[in-house]
C-alpha atoms as a PDB file:
ATOM      1  CA  MET A   1      19.495  91.379 137.952  1.00  0.00           C
ATOM      2  CA  THR A   2      18.876  93.494 141.019  1.00  0.00           C
ATOM      3  CA  ASP A   3      15.614  95.401 140.986  1.00  0.00           C
ATOM      4  CA  ARG A   4      15.512  98.943 142.274  1.00  0.00           C
ATOM      5  CA  PHE A   5      13.015 101.746 142.658  1.00  0.00           C
ATOM      6  CA  ILE A   6      13.226 104.584 140.159  1.00  0.00           C
ATOM      7  CA  SER A   7      11.767 108.044 140.573  1.00  0.00           C
ATOM      8  CA  GLN A   8       9.125 109.657 138.423  1.00  0.00           C
ATOM      9  CA  LYS A   9      11.836 111.818 136.895  1.00  0.00           C
ATOM     10  CA  GLU A  10      13.728 108.700 135.798  1.00  0.00           C
ATOM     11  CA  VAL A  11      10.559 107.085 134.443  1.00  0.00           C
ATOM     12  CA  LEU A  12       9.846 110.201 132.380  1.00  0.00           C
ATOM     13  CA  ALA A  13      13.413 110.228 131.020  1.00  0.00           C
ATOM     14  CA  GLN A  14      13.484 106.505 130.211  1.00  0.00           C
ATOM     15  CA  THR A  15      10.085 106.374 128.506  1.00  0.00           C
ATOM     16  CA  SER A  16       9.972 109.858 126.938  1.00  0.00           C
ATOM     17  CA  LEU A  17       6.369 110.135 128.130  1.00  0.00           C
ATOM     18  CA  SER A  18       4.826 113.083 129.937  1.00  0.00           C
ATOM     19  CA  ARG A  19       3.468 112.885 133.481  1.00  0.00           C
ATOM     20  CA  MET A  20      -0.086 113.226 132.184  1.00  0.00           C
ATOM     21  CA  THR A  21       0.382 110.413 129.670  1.00  0.00           C
ATOM     22  CA  ILE A  22       1.743 108.117 132.371  1.00  0.00           C
ATOM     23  CA  TYR A  23      -1.152 109.085 134.664  1.00  0.00           C
ATOM     24  CA  ARG A  24      -3.734 108.313 131.949  1.00  0.00           C
ATOM     25  CA  MET A  25      -2.055 105.049 131.029  1.00  0.00           C
ATOM     26  CA  ARG A  26      -1.937 104.005 134.695  1.00  0.00           C
ATOM     27  CA  GLN A  27      -5.647 104.750 135.031  1.00  0.00           C
ATOM     28  CA  ASP A  28      -6.346 102.545 131.998  1.00  0.00           C
ATOM     29  CA  GLY A  29      -4.109  99.741 133.280  1.00  0.00           C
ATOM     30  CA  GLU A  30      -1.645 100.245 130.417  1.00  0.00           C
ATOM     31  CA  PHE A  31       1.372 101.258 132.510  1.00  0.00           C
ATOM     32  CA  PRO A  32       2.852  99.772 135.690  1.00  0.00           C
ATOM     33  CA  ALA A  33       1.472 101.140 138.928  1.00  0.00           C
ATOM     34  CA  PRO A  34       3.821 103.020 141.224  1.00  0.00           C
ATOM     35  CA  VAL A  35       4.881 101.846 144.658  1.00  0.00           C
ATOM     36  CA  TYR A  36       4.088 104.222 147.495  1.00  0.00           C
ATOM     37  CA  LEU A  37       7.175 104.645 149.631  1.00  0.00           C
ATOM     38  CA  ASN A  38       5.523 106.259 152.637  1.00  0.00           C
ATOM     39  CA  LYS A  39       2.178 105.950 154.381  1.00  0.00           C
ATOM     40  CA  ASN A  40       1.029 109.422 153.257  1.00  0.00           C
ATOM     41  CA  ARG A  41       1.424 108.331 149.611  1.00  0.00           C
ATOM     42  CA  THR A  42       3.403 111.475 148.852  1.00  0.00           C
ATOM     43  CA  ARG A  43       6.527 109.646 147.706  1.00  0.00           C
ATOM     44  CA  VAL A  44       6.181 107.261 144.778  1.00  0.00           C
ATOM     45  CA  ALA A  45       8.563 105.211 142.698  1.00  0.00           C
ATOM     46  CA  TRP A  46       8.377 102.447 140.113  1.00  0.00           C
ATOM     47  CA  ARG A  47      10.104  99.086 140.009  1.00  0.00           C
ATOM     48  CA  GLU A  48      12.729  99.423 137.326  1.00  0.00           C
ATOM     49  CA  SER A  49      12.072  95.865 136.101  1.00  0.00           C
ATOM     50  CA  GLU A  50       8.375  96.633 135.504  1.00  0.00           C
ATOM     51  CA  VAL A  51       9.150  99.806 133.546  1.00  0.00           C
ATOM     52  CA  ARG A  52      11.753  97.971 131.431  1.00  0.00           C
ATOM     53  CA  GLN A  53       9.309  95.127 130.798  1.00  0.00           C
ATOM     54  CA  TRP A  54       6.688  97.666 129.695  1.00  0.00           C
ATOM     55  CA  MET A  55       9.237  99.304 127.368  1.00  0.00           C
ATOM     56  CA  GLU A  56      10.123  95.939 125.823  1.00  0.00           C
ATOM     57  CA  SER A  57       6.441  95.182 125.300  1.00  0.00           C
ATOM     58  CA  ARG A  58       6.109  98.424 123.335  1.00  0.00           C
ATOM     59  CA  LEU A  59       8.755  97.218 120.878  1.00  0.00           C
ATOM     60  CA  SER A  60       6.516  94.351 119.802  1.00  0.00           C
ATOM     61  CA  VAL A  61       3.596  96.756 119.304  1.00  0.00           C
ATOM     62  CA  THR A  62       5.538  99.017 116.948  1.00  0.00           C
ATOM     63  CA  HIS A  63       7.098  96.265 114.820  1.00  0.00           C
END
């Protein structure tokens, strides 16, 4: 599987979480950290594989 970067918009759509929820979960170490795509840290993305892995881990929590 080829890994790719996905935007915050895609992360929100895939997880159905809000930006604030993702921010809080990142602060608590409960959600994958973003990758900064430029030196000013104004452009962020997530590794798709890490977001998918997080989503799969949530399935085991709910069952």
